[in-house]
Amino acid sequence: MQFKDYYEILGVEPSAGEAEIKTAYRRLARKFHPDVSKEAGAEEKFKAVNEAYEALRDPQKRAAYDQLRSRGYRPGDEVQPQAGGYAHGAPEGFDFDEIFAGGGAGGGFSDFFEEMFGRRRHGAGQQRGPQPRGDTRAKLAVPLEAVYRGESVRIGVNGKTLDVRVPKGVRPGQVIRLGGQGAHGDLLLEIEYAAHPQFEVDGRNVIHVLAVAPWEAALGATVSVPTLGGPVELRIPADSEAGRKLRLRGRGLPGGASGANGDQIVELEVLAPRAHDDAQREAYRKMQEAFGGDWRRA
């Protein structure tokens, strides 16, 4: 398998903090998203960005990756598989396998990622709690769309392909039991949410950062906003500033039997588009004259 430099893919230094990594991920995921990008190879770049973020957003995965990277590997270098996986050297280790559902934002990871994080087996003394009949535990990273709709996801485990029904509104930490699908008993799948290029989750609420032009924020506008249930029209009030939060009620994750649906929180990010010609640069010069040099104090 070939080594991948996840820091290089996200365009950040190895010393980057969690916030910087998340910001880089958002920017690149938005840039290469197949639904909006016209760039050649955008889909492959989009997958690479998702994979890099999935590896670096988790402290234990990142520690395991950094340990391997410290050996001097460069992108494209051949890395020999290591018995038992690479992640056991990370702080506190991993105590069960991880499975990523195909077809979602987090699916389609490379052999390098799978060898690093997706093919580990229990070592001596690493099982979590009692394991009756030799049950196998695994984490299942589920796309948010599957959680929202309550649909099945396809996974590969123990050389078999399984369709797993995801209960609508399932919460992280809940367990799905598949009878007889483990190595020597049942397969217990602990739910976690896969990283998503457009949404973050806060309880039942879903957070989306929406890029708007300066004139849309200043004058107000009606724009199309993605939600887990499909795009909706959102009115941006005039005189909005960067960081303003607008609420789409009931557009978050389903509450199920435990309560009401969450909301979608739309956080405005005011971005100035690049000037491509003299007319657009002249428009920026007029803005500069209108606002003056001390606009930051306004």
C-alpha atoms as a PDB file:
ATOM      1  CA  MET A   1       0.000   0.000   0.000  1.00  0.00           C
ATOM      2  CA  GLN A   2       1.130   3.561  -0.671  1.00  0.00           C
ATOM      3  CA  PHE A   3       1.666   6.113   2.080  1.00  0.00           C
ATOM      4  CA  LYS A   4      -0.584   9.189   2.067  1.00  0.00           C
ATOM      5  CA  ASP A   5       0.359  12.537   3.598  1.00  0.00           C
ATOM      6  CA  TYR A   6      -2.903  13.649   5.137  1.00  0.00           C
ATOM      7  CA  TYR A   7      -1.466  16.987   6.286  1.00  0.00           C
ATOM      8  CA  GLU A   8      -0.389  17.782   2.732  1.00  0.00           C
ATOM      9  CA  ILE A   9      -3.829  16.831   1.387  1.00  0.00           C
ATOM     10  CA  LEU A  10      -5.503  19.311   3.757  1.00  0.00           C
ATOM     11  CA  GLY A  11      -2.792  21.922   3.226  1.00  0.00           C
ATOM     12  CA  VAL A  12      -1.902  22.254   6.922  1.00  0.00           C
ATOM     13  CA  GLU A  13       1.254  21.794   8.969  1.00  0.00           C
ATOM     14  CA  PRO A  14       1.658  18.700  11.198  1.00  0.00           C
ATOM     15  CA  SER A  15       1.476  21.074  14.174  1.00  0.00           C
ATOM     16  CA  ALA A  16      -1.991  22.315  13.148  1.00  0.00           C
ATOM     17  CA  GLY A  17      -4.637  22.327  15.855  1.00  0.00           C
ATOM     18  CA  GLU A  18      -8.127  20.876  15.697  1.00  0.00           C
ATOM     19  CA  ALA A  19      -9.739  24.173  14.649  1.00  0.00           C
ATOM     20  CA  GLU A  20      -7.261  24.742  11.794  1.00  0.00           C
ATOM     21  CA  ILE A  21      -7.758  21.206  10.503  1.00  0.00           C
ATOM     22  CA  LYS A  22     -11.522  21.597  10.612  1.00  0.00           C
ATOM     23  CA  THR A  23     -11.366  24.935   8.775  1.00  0.00           C
ATOM     24  CA  ALA A  24      -9.152  23.480   6.049  1.00  0.00           C
ATOM     25  CA  TYR A  25     -11.491  20.515   5.682  1.00  0.00           C
ATOM     26  CA  ARG A  26     -14.565  22.718   5.317  1.00  0.00           C
ATOM     27  CA  ARG A  27     -12.905  24.900   2.700  1.00  0.00           C
ATOM     28  CA  LEU A  28     -11.623  22.015   0.564  1.00  0.00           C
ATOM     29  CA  ALA A  29     -14.776  19.910   0.906  1.00  0.00           C
ATOM     30  CA  ARG A  30     -16.817  22.866  -0.303  1.00  0.00           C
ATOM     31  CA  LYS A  31     -14.376  23.481  -3.161  1.00  0.00           C
ATOM     32  CA  PHE A  32     -14.329  19.894  -4.451  1.00  0.00           C
ATOM     33  CA  HIS A  33     -17.861  18.755  -3.613  1.00  0.00           C
ATOM     34  CA  PRO A  34     -19.095  16.818  -6.689  1.00  0.00           C
ATOM     35  CA  ASP A  35     -22.435  18.634  -6.656  1.00  0.00           C
ATOM     36  CA  VAL A  36     -20.843  22.052  -7.165  1.00  0.00           C
ATOM     37  CA  SER A  37     -17.273  21.668  -8.413  1.00  0.00           C
ATOM     38  CA  LYS A  38     -16.456  21.837 -12.116  1.00  0.00           C
ATOM     39  CA  GLU A  39     -12.756  21.065 -11.609  1.00  0.00           C
ATOM     40  CA  ALA A  40     -11.206  18.018 -13.238  1.00  0.00           C
ATOM     41  CA  GLY A  41     -10.779  15.176 -10.749  1.00  0.00           C
ATOM     42  CA  ALA A  42     -12.950  16.925  -8.152  1.00  0.00           C
ATOM     43  CA  GLU A  43     -14.588  13.707  -6.956  1.00  0.00           C
ATOM     44  CA  GLU A  44     -11.258  12.006  -6.233  1.00  0.00           C
ATOM     45  CA  LYS A  45      -9.962  15.116  -4.478  1.00  0.00           C
ATOM     46  CA  PHE A  46     -13.172  15.262  -2.476  1.00  0.00           C
ATOM     47  CA  LYS A  47     -12.692  11.642  -1.337  1.00  0.00           C
ATOM     48  CA  ALA A  48      -9.063  12.329  -0.432  1.00  0.00           C
ATOM     49  CA  VAL A  49     -10.037  15.342   1.671  1.00  0.00           C
ATOM     50  CA  ASN A  50     -12.687  13.317   3.510  1.00  0.00           C
ATOM     51  CA  GLU A  51     -10.215  10.522   4.193  1.00  0.00           C
ATOM     52  CA  ALA A  52      -7.572  12.925   5.493  1.00  0.00           C
ATOM     53  CA  TYR A  53     -10.037  14.608   7.829  1.00  0.00           C
ATOM     54  CA  GLU A  54     -11.358  11.281   9.093  1.00  0.00           C
ATOM     55  CA  ALA A  55      -7.792  10.303  10.015  1.00  0.00           C
ATOM     56  CA  LEU A  56      -6.782  13.583  11.666  1.00  0.00           C
ATOM     57  CA  ARG A  57      -9.954  14.635  13.480  1.00  0.00           C
ATOM     58  CA  ASP A  58      -9.710  11.786  15.989  1.00  0.00           C
ATOM     59  CA  PRO A  59      -6.822  12.150  18.482  1.00  0.00           C
ATOM     60  CA  GLN A  60      -6.101   8.405  18.634  1.00  0.00           C
ATOM     61  CA  LYS A  61      -6.135   7.928  14.867  1.00  0.00           C
ATOM     62  CA  ARG A  62      -3.959  11.019  14.469  1.00  0.00           C
ATOM     63  CA  ALA A  63      -1.457   9.755  17.041  1.00  0.00           C
ATOM     64  CA  ALA A  64      -1.186   6.410  15.259  1.00  0.00           C
ATOM     65  CA  TYR A  65      -0.751   8.128  11.903  1.00  0.00           C
ATOM     66  CA  ASP A  66       1.867  10.543  13.271  1.00  0.00           C
ATOM     67  CA  GLN A  67       3.796   7.586  14.663  1.00  0.00           C
ATOM     68  CA  LEU A  68       3.967   6.011  11.205  1.00  0.00           C
ATOM     69  CA  ARG A  69       4.706   9.326   9.470  1.00  0.00           C
ATOM     70  CA  SER A  70       7.644   9.971  11.802  1.00  0.00           C
ATOM     71  CA  ARG A  71       9.512   7.126  10.093  1.00  0.00           C
ATOM     72  CA  GLY A  72      10.123   9.415   7.132  1.00  0.00           C
ATOM     73  CA  TYR A  73       7.566   8.117   4.649  1.00  0.00           C
ATOM     74  CA  ARG A  74       6.613  10.384   1.728  1.00  0.00           C
ATOM     75  CA  PRO A  75       3.500  10.293  -0.492  1.00  0.00           C
ATOM     76  CA  GLY A  76       3.633   7.277  -2.795  1.00  0.00           C
ATOM     77  CA  ASP A  77       6.190   5.362  -0.707  1.00  0.00           C
ATOM     78  CA  GLU A  78       5.340   1.706  -0.272  1.00  0.00           C
ATOM     79  CA  VAL A  79       4.355   0.806   3.296  1.00  0.00           C
ATOM     80  CA  GLN A  80       4.349  -2.842   4.279  1.00  0.00           C
ATOM     81  CA  PRO A  81       1.282  -4.010   6.247  1.00  0.00           C
ATOM     82  CA  GLN A  82       1.994  -4.559   9.933  1.00  0.00           C
ATOM     83  CA  ALA A  83       0.608  -7.532  11.803  1.00  0.00           C
ATOM     84  CA  GLY A  84      -2.193  -6.393  14.108  1.00  0.00           C
ATOM     85  CA  GLY A  85      -2.449  -2.983  12.461  1.00  0.00           C
ATOM     86  CA  TYR A  86      -0.622   0.238  13.231  1.00  0.00           C
ATOM     87  CA  ALA A  87      -2.931   1.856  15.739  1.00  0.00           C
ATOM     88  CA  HIS A  88      -2.007  -0.148  18.808  1.00  0.00           C
ATOM     89  CA  GLY A  89       0.898   2.199  19.465  1.00  0.00           C
ATOM     90  CA  ALA A  90      -1.456   5.141  19.890  1.00  0.00           C
ATOM     91  CA  PRO A  91      -2.229   6.413  23.390  1.00  0.00           C
ATOM     92  CA  GLU A  92      -4.591   3.977  25.112  1.00  0.00           C
ATOM     93  CA  GLY A  93      -4.940   2.035  21.834  1.00  0.00           C
ATOM     94  CA  PHE A  94      -8.161   1.037  20.064  1.00  0.00           C
ATOM     95  CA  ASP A  95     -10.161  -1.761  21.561  1.00  0.00           C
ATOM     96  CA  PHE A  96     -12.346  -2.722  18.612  1.00  0.00           C
ATOM     97  CA  ASP A  97     -12.528  -2.639  14.831  1.00  0.00           C
ATOM     98  CA  GLU A  98     -13.973   0.232  12.851  1.00  0.00           C
ATOM     99  CA  ILE A  99     -16.254  -0.229   9.854  1.00  0.00           C
ATOM    100  CA  PHE A 100     -17.176   2.519   7.422  1.00  0.00           C
ATOM    101  CA  ALA A 101     -20.438   2.326   5.549  1.00  0.00           C
ATOM    102  CA  GLY A 102     -20.071   2.695   1.801  1.00  0.00           C
ATOM    103  CA  GLY A 103     -21.887   5.292  -0.275  1.00  0.00           C
ATOM    104  CA  GLY A 104     -21.758   8.141   2.235  1.00  0.00           C
ATOM    105  CA  ALA A 105     -19.508  11.126   2.677  1.00  0.00           C
ATOM    106  CA  GLY A 106     -17.046   9.019   4.640  1.00  0.00           C
ATOM    107  CA  GLY A 107     -17.032   5.976   2.374  1.00  0.00           C
ATOM    108  CA  GLY A 108     -14.595   4.820  -0.274  1.00  0.00           C
ATOM    109  CA  PHE A 109     -11.412   5.067   1.772  1.00  0.00           C
ATOM    110  CA  SER A 110      -8.060   3.898   0.414  1.00  0.00           C
ATOM    111  CA  ASP A 111      -6.253   0.662   1.230  1.00  0.00           C
ATOM    112  CA  PHE A 112      -3.790   2.731   3.259  1.00  0.00           C
ATOM    113  CA  PHE A 113      -6.572   4.066   5.505  1.00  0.00           C
ATOM    114  CA  GLU A 114      -8.198   0.672   5.867  1.00  0.00           C
ATOM    115  CA  GLU A 115      -4.890  -0.940   6.802  1.00  0.00           C
ATOM    116  CA  MET A 116      -4.234   1.783   9.362  1.00  0.00           C
ATOM    117  CA  PHE A 117      -7.653   1.971  10.976  1.00  0.00           C
ATOM    118  CA  GLY A 118     -10.127  -0.542   9.592  1.00  0.00           C
ATOM    119  CA  ARG A 119      -8.705  -4.063   9.893  1.00  0.00           C
ATOM    120  CA  ARG A 120      -7.612  -4.389  13.495  1.00  0.00           C
ATOM    121  CA  ARG A 121      -8.573  -7.354  15.629  1.00  0.00           C
ATOM    122  CA  HIS A 122      -8.783  -7.630  19.384  1.00  0.00           C
ATOM    123  CA  GLY A 123      -5.519  -8.223  21.178  1.00  0.00           C
ATOM    124  CA  ALA A 124      -5.123  -9.921  24.539  1.00  0.00           C
ATOM    125  CA  GLY A 125      -6.862  -7.991  27.267  1.00  0.00           C
ATOM    126  CA  GLN A 126      -8.309  -5.369  24.893  1.00  0.00           C
ATOM    127  CA  GLN A 127     -11.942  -6.383  24.749  1.00  0.00           C
ATOM    128  CA  ARG A 128     -14.398  -3.931  26.226  1.00  0.00           C
ATOM    129  CA  GLY A 129     -16.497  -5.506  28.977  1.00  0.00           C
ATOM    130  CA  PRO A 130     -17.983  -9.025  28.933  1.00  0.00           C
ATOM    131  CA  GLN A 131     -18.068 -10.685  25.518  1.00  0.00           C
ATOM    132  CA  PRO A 132     -20.635 -13.529  25.781  1.00  0.00           C
ATOM    133  CA  ARG A 133     -20.291 -16.324  23.215  1.00  0.00           C
ATOM    134  CA  GLY A 134     -17.323 -14.548  21.659  1.00  0.00           C
ATOM    135  CA  ASP A 135     -19.342 -11.608  20.322  1.00  0.00           C
ATOM    136  CA  THR A 136     -17.377  -9.175  18.155  1.00  0.00           C
ATOM    137  CA  ARG A 137     -17.624  -5.442  18.759  1.00  0.00           C
ATOM    138  CA  ALA A 138     -17.075  -2.822  16.067  1.00  0.00           C
ATOM    139  CA  LYS A 139     -17.690   0.856  15.520  1.00  0.00           C
ATOM    140  CA  LEU A 140     -19.891   1.689  12.551  1.00  0.00           C
ATOM    141  CA  ALA A 141     -19.352   5.156  11.047  1.00  0.00           C
ATOM    142  CA  VAL A 142     -22.739   6.053   9.555  1.00  0.00           C
ATOM    143  CA  PRO A 143     -23.444   8.851   7.044  1.00  0.00           C
ATOM    144  CA  LEU A 144     -25.719  11.547   8.474  1.00  0.00           C
ATOM    145  CA  GLU A 145     -28.123  11.066   5.559  1.00  0.00           C
ATOM    146  CA  ALA A 146     -28.747   7.472   6.699  1.00  0.00           C
ATOM    147  CA  VAL A 147     -29.391   8.676  10.259  1.00  0.00           C
ATOM    148  CA  TYR A 148     -31.793  11.322   8.984  1.00  0.00           C
ATOM    149  CA  ARG A 149     -33.777   8.998   6.742  1.00  0.00           C
ATOM    150  CA  GLY A 150     -33.458   5.755   8.683  1.00  0.00           C
ATOM    151  CA  GLU A 151     -32.140   3.693   5.791  1.00  0.00           C
ATOM    152  CA  SER A 152     -29.822   0.748   5.253  1.00  0.00           C
ATOM    153  CA  VAL A 153     -26.084   1.007   4.700  1.00  0.00           C
ATOM    154  CA  ARG A 154     -23.849  -1.600   3.108  1.00  0.00           C
ATOM    155  CA  ILE A 155     -20.727  -2.778   4.923  1.00  0.00           C
ATOM    156  CA  GLY A 156     -18.093  -5.414   4.397  1.00  0.00           C
ATOM    157  CA  VAL A 157     -17.077  -7.538   7.388  1.00  0.00           C
ATOM    158  CA  ASN A 158     -15.470 -10.973   7.770  1.00  0.00           C
ATOM    159  CA  GLY A 159     -15.371 -11.357   3.994  1.00  0.00           C
ATOM    160  CA  LYS A 160     -19.125 -10.788   3.667  1.00  0.00           C
ATOM    161  CA  THR A 161     -21.263  -7.894   2.453  1.00  0.00           C
ATOM    162  CA  LEU A 162     -24.093  -6.965   4.809  1.00  0.00           C
ATOM    163  CA  ASP A 163     -26.958  -4.482   4.580  1.00  0.00           C
ATOM    164  CA  VAL A 164     -27.467  -2.906   7.993  1.00  0.00           C
ATOM    165  CA  ARG A 165     -30.661  -0.985   8.725  1.00  0.00           C
ATOM    166  CA  VAL A 166     -29.892   2.230  10.573  1.00  0.00           C
ATOM    167  CA  PRO A 167     -32.758   3.295  12.871  1.00  0.00           C
ATOM    168  CA  LYS A 168     -34.004   6.787  12.089  1.00  0.00           C
ATOM    169  CA  GLY A 169     -32.407   9.287  14.468  1.00  0.00           C
ATOM    170  CA  VAL A 170     -30.013   6.737  15.997  1.00  0.00           C
ATOM    171  CA  ARG A 171     -27.576   8.349  18.434  1.00  0.00           C
ATOM    172  CA  PRO A 172     -23.826   7.870  18.757  1.00  0.00           C
ATOM    173  CA  GLY A 173     -23.016   5.096  21.215  1.00  0.00           C
ATOM    174  CA  GLN A 174     -26.153   3.079  20.488  1.00  0.00           C
ATOM    175  CA  VAL A 175     -25.503  -0.529  19.452  1.00  0.00           C
ATOM    176  CA  ILE A 176     -26.968  -2.581  16.605  1.00  0.00           C
ATOM    177  CA  ARG A 177     -26.731  -6.351  17.099  1.00  0.00           C
ATOM    178  CA  LEU A 178     -26.389  -8.620  14.072  1.00  0.00           C
ATOM    179  CA  GLY A 179     -27.039 -12.185  15.168  1.00  0.00           C
ATOM    180  CA  GLY A 180     -24.394 -14.722  14.168  1.00  0.00           C
ATOM    181  CA  GLN A 181     -22.384 -12.255  12.074  1.00  0.00           C
ATOM    182  CA  GLY A 182     -19.375 -12.003  14.389  1.00  0.00           C
ATOM    183  CA  ALA A 183     -16.272 -14.143  14.263  1.00  0.00           C
ATOM    184  CA  HIS A 184     -17.651 -16.562  16.891  1.00  0.00           C
ATOM    185  CA  GLY A 185     -21.000 -15.068  17.843  1.00  0.00           C
ATOM    186  CA  ASP A 186     -22.974 -11.904  17.213  1.00  0.00           C
ATOM    187  CA  LEU A 187     -21.632  -8.669  15.702  1.00  0.00           C
ATOM    188  CA  LEU A 188     -22.257  -5.626  17.899  1.00  0.00           C
ATOM    189  CA  LEU A 189     -22.032  -2.362  15.942  1.00  0.00           C
ATOM    190  CA  GLU A 190     -21.577   0.774  18.040  1.00  0.00           C
ATOM    191  CA  ILE A 191     -22.840   3.798  16.101  1.00  0.00           C
ATOM    192  CA  GLU A 192     -20.761   6.882  15.418  1.00  0.00           C
ATOM    193  CA  TYR A 193     -21.396   9.625  12.862  1.00  0.00           C
ATOM    194  CA  ALA A 194     -19.089   9.801   9.831  1.00  0.00           C
ATOM    195  CA  ALA A 195     -17.505  13.162   9.068  1.00  0.00           C
ATOM    196  CA  HIS A 196     -19.617  15.200   6.667  1.00  0.00           C
ATOM    197  CA  PRO A 197     -18.339  17.924   4.327  1.00  0.00           C
ATOM    198  CA  GLN A 198     -21.328  20.215   4.892  1.00  0.00           C
ATOM    199  CA  PHE A 199     -22.686  19.513   8.361  1.00  0.00           C
ATOM    200  CA  GLU A 200     -21.599  19.164  11.962  1.00  0.00           C
ATOM    201  CA  VAL A 201     -23.750  17.749  14.729  1.00  0.00           C
ATOM    202  CA  ASP A 202     -24.500  19.314  18.107  1.00  0.00           C
ATOM    203  CA  GLY A 203     -26.898  17.010  19.927  1.00  0.00           C
ATOM    204  CA  ARG A 204     -29.965  16.835  17.692  1.00  0.00           C
ATOM    205  CA  ASN A 205     -29.057  20.081  15.922  1.00  0.00           C
ATOM    206  CA  VAL A 206     -27.132  20.208  12.647  1.00  0.00           C
ATOM    207  CA  ILE A 207     -24.744  23.094  11.972  1.00  0.00           C
ATOM    208  CA  HIS A 208     -24.001  24.330   8.449  1.00  0.00           C
ATOM    209  CA  VAL A 209     -21.592  27.132   7.556  1.00  0.00           C
ATOM    210  CA  LEU A 210     -22.984  29.095   4.607  1.00  0.00           C
ATOM    211  CA  ALA A 211     -20.719  31.214   2.432  1.00  0.00           C
ATOM    212  CA  VAL A 212     -22.389  34.474   1.348  1.00  0.00           C
ATOM    213  CA  ALA A 213     -21.143  37.416  -0.684  1.00  0.00           C
ATOM    214  CA  PRO A 214     -20.649  40.811   1.025  1.00  0.00           C
ATOM    215  CA  TRP A 215     -23.608  42.311  -0.838  1.00  0.00           C
ATOM    216  CA  GLU A 216     -25.875  39.421   0.188  1.00  0.00           C
ATOM    217  CA  ALA A 217     -24.993  40.005   3.828  1.00  0.00           C
ATOM    218  CA  ALA A 218     -25.354  43.783   3.556  1.00  0.00           C
ATOM    219  CA  LEU A 219     -28.487  44.022   1.407  1.00  0.00           C
ATOM    220  CA  GLY A 220     -30.223  40.762   2.269  1.00  0.00           C
ATOM    221  CA  ALA A 221     -30.940  37.880  -0.068  1.00  0.00           C
ATOM    222  CA  THR A 222     -32.785  34.606  -0.476  1.00  0.00           C
ATOM    223  CA  VAL A 223     -30.422  31.698  -1.112  1.00  0.00           C
ATOM    224  CA  SER A 224     -30.609  27.920  -1.429  1.00  0.00           C
ATOM    225  CA  VAL A 225     -29.232  26.073   1.609  1.00  0.00           C
ATOM    226  CA  PRO A 226     -28.462  22.343   1.751  1.00  0.00           C
ATOM    227  CA  THR A 227     -30.143  20.316   4.485  1.00  0.00           C
ATOM    228  CA  LEU A 228     -30.192  16.586   5.181  1.00  0.00           C
ATOM    229  CA  GLY A 229     -33.694  16.528   3.721  1.00  0.00           C
ATOM    230  CA  GLY A 230     -32.760  18.455   0.571  1.00  0.00           C
ATOM    231  CA  PRO A 231     -32.173  22.121  -0.319  1.00  0.00           C
ATOM    232  CA  VAL A 232     -34.448  24.821   1.103  1.00  0.00           C
ATOM    233  CA  GLU A 233     -34.738  28.570   0.549  1.00  0.00           C
ATOM    234  CA  LEU A 234     -33.385  30.756   3.355  1.00  0.00           C
ATOM    235  CA  ARG A 235     -33.862  34.509   3.704  1.00  0.00           C
ATOM    236  CA  ILE A 236     -30.748  36.342   4.852  1.00  0.00           C
ATOM    237  CA  PRO A 237     -31.718  39.553   6.649  1.00  0.00           C
ATOM    238  CA  ALA A 238     -30.081  42.790   5.540  1.00  0.00           C
ATOM    239  CA  ASP A 239     -27.143  44.076   7.635  1.00  0.00           C
ATOM    240  CA  SER A 240     -26.061  40.544   8.572  1.00  0.00           C
ATOM    241  CA  GLU A 241     -22.490  40.052   9.781  1.00  0.00           C
ATOM    242  CA  ALA A 242     -20.121  37.097   9.609  1.00  0.00           C
ATOM    243  CA  GLY A 243     -20.920  34.620  12.354  1.00  0.00           C
ATOM    244  CA  ARG A 244     -24.634  35.408  12.480  1.00  0.00           C
ATOM    245  CA  LYS A 245     -26.684  32.257  13.101  1.00  0.00           C
ATOM    246  CA  LEU A 246     -30.034  31.592  11.463  1.00  0.00           C
ATOM    247  CA  ARG A 247     -32.300  28.711  12.461  1.00  0.00           C
ATOM    248  CA  LEU A 248     -34.205  26.268  10.258  1.00  0.00           C
ATOM    249  CA  ARG A 249     -36.621  24.673  12.696  1.00  0.00           C
ATOM    250  CA  GLY A 250     -37.094  20.918  12.526  1.00  0.00           C
ATOM    251  CA  ARG A 251     -34.368  20.478   9.898  1.00  0.00           C
ATOM    252  CA  GLY A 252     -31.910  18.748  12.234  1.00  0.00           C
ATOM    253  CA  LEU A 253     -31.693  15.078  13.148  1.00  0.00           C
ATOM    254  CA  PRO A 254     -34.915  13.227  13.975  1.00  0.00           C
ATOM    255  CA  GLY A 255     -35.719  12.949  17.670  1.00  0.00           C
ATOM    256  CA  GLY A 256     -37.408   9.574  17.334  1.00  0.00           C
ATOM    257  CA  ALA A 257     -39.228   8.311  20.394  1.00  0.00           C
ATOM    258  CA  SER A 258     -36.975  10.407  22.635  1.00  0.00           C
ATOM    259  CA  GLY A 259     -38.283  13.818  21.607  1.00  0.00           C
ATOM    260  CA  ALA A 260     -38.677  16.474  18.920  1.00  0.00           C
ATOM    261  CA  ASN A 261     -36.540  16.864  15.854  1.00  0.00           C
ATOM    262  CA  GLY A 262     -33.496  19.072  16.099  1.00  0.00           C
ATOM    263  CA  ASP A 263     -32.963  22.275  14.117  1.00  0.00           C
ATOM    264  CA  GLN A 264     -30.410  23.249  11.488  1.00  0.00           C
ATOM    265  CA  ILE A 265     -28.268  26.202  12.527  1.00  0.00           C
ATOM    266  CA  VAL A 266     -26.922  28.153   9.555  1.00  0.00           C
ATOM    267  CA  GLU A 267     -23.823  30.194  10.408  1.00  0.00           C
ATOM    268  CA  LEU A 268     -22.987  32.932   7.899  1.00  0.00           C
ATOM    269  CA  GLU A 269     -19.464  33.167   6.537  1.00  0.00           C
ATOM    270  CA  VAL A 270     -18.961  36.335   4.491  1.00  0.00           C
ATOM    271  CA  LEU A 271     -16.510  35.695   1.659  1.00  0.00           C
ATOM    272  CA  ALA A 272     -15.268  38.217  -0.893  1.00  0.00           C
ATOM    273  CA  PRO A 273     -15.150  36.640  -4.361  1.00  0.00           C
ATOM    274  CA  ARG A 274     -11.958  36.985  -6.351  1.00  0.00           C
ATOM    275  CA  ALA A 275     -11.900  39.838  -8.890  1.00  0.00           C
ATOM    276  CA  HIS A 276     -11.391  38.392 -12.368  1.00  0.00           C
ATOM    277  CA  ASP A 277     -11.366  41.542 -14.496  1.00  0.00           C
ATOM    278  CA  ASP A 278     -10.853  45.303 -14.348  1.00  0.00           C
ATOM    279  CA  ALA A 279     -14.543  46.015 -13.842  1.00  0.00           C
ATOM    280  CA  GLN A 280     -14.688  43.828 -10.745  1.00  0.00           C
ATOM    281  CA  ARG A 281     -11.457  45.301  -9.354  1.00  0.00           C
ATOM    282  CA  GLU A 282     -12.909  48.778  -9.903  1.00  0.00           C
ATOM    283  CA  ALA A 283     -15.994  47.725  -7.940  1.00  0.00           C
ATOM    284  CA  TYR A 284     -13.736  46.775  -5.017  1.00  0.00           C
ATOM    285  CA  ARG A 285     -11.953  50.130  -5.244  1.00  0.00           C
ATOM    286  CA  LYS A 286     -15.306  51.891  -4.971  1.00  0.00           C
ATOM    287  CA  MET A 287     -16.145  49.773  -1.938  1.00  0.00           C
ATOM    288  CA  GLN A 288     -12.818  50.770  -0.411  1.00  0.00           C
ATOM    289  CA  GLU A 289     -13.602  54.443  -0.950  1.00  0.00           C
ATOM    290  CA  ALA A 290     -17.107  54.054   0.439  1.00  0.00           C
ATOM    291  CA  PHE A 291     -16.050  52.252   3.633  1.00  0.00           C
ATOM    292  CA  GLY A 292     -12.732  53.959   4.235  1.00  0.00           C
ATOM    293  CA  GLY A 293      -9.558  52.544   5.742  1.00  0.00           C
ATOM    294  CA  ASP A 294     -10.926  52.195   9.301  1.00  0.00           C
ATOM    295  CA  TRP A 295     -13.872  49.907   8.486  1.00  0.00           C
ATOM    296  CA  ARG A 296     -12.670  47.330  11.052  1.00  0.00           C
ATOM    297  CA  ARG A 297     -13.578  49.747  13.832  1.00  0.00           C
ATOM    298  CA  ALA A 298     -17.093  50.293  12.542  1.00  0.00           C
END
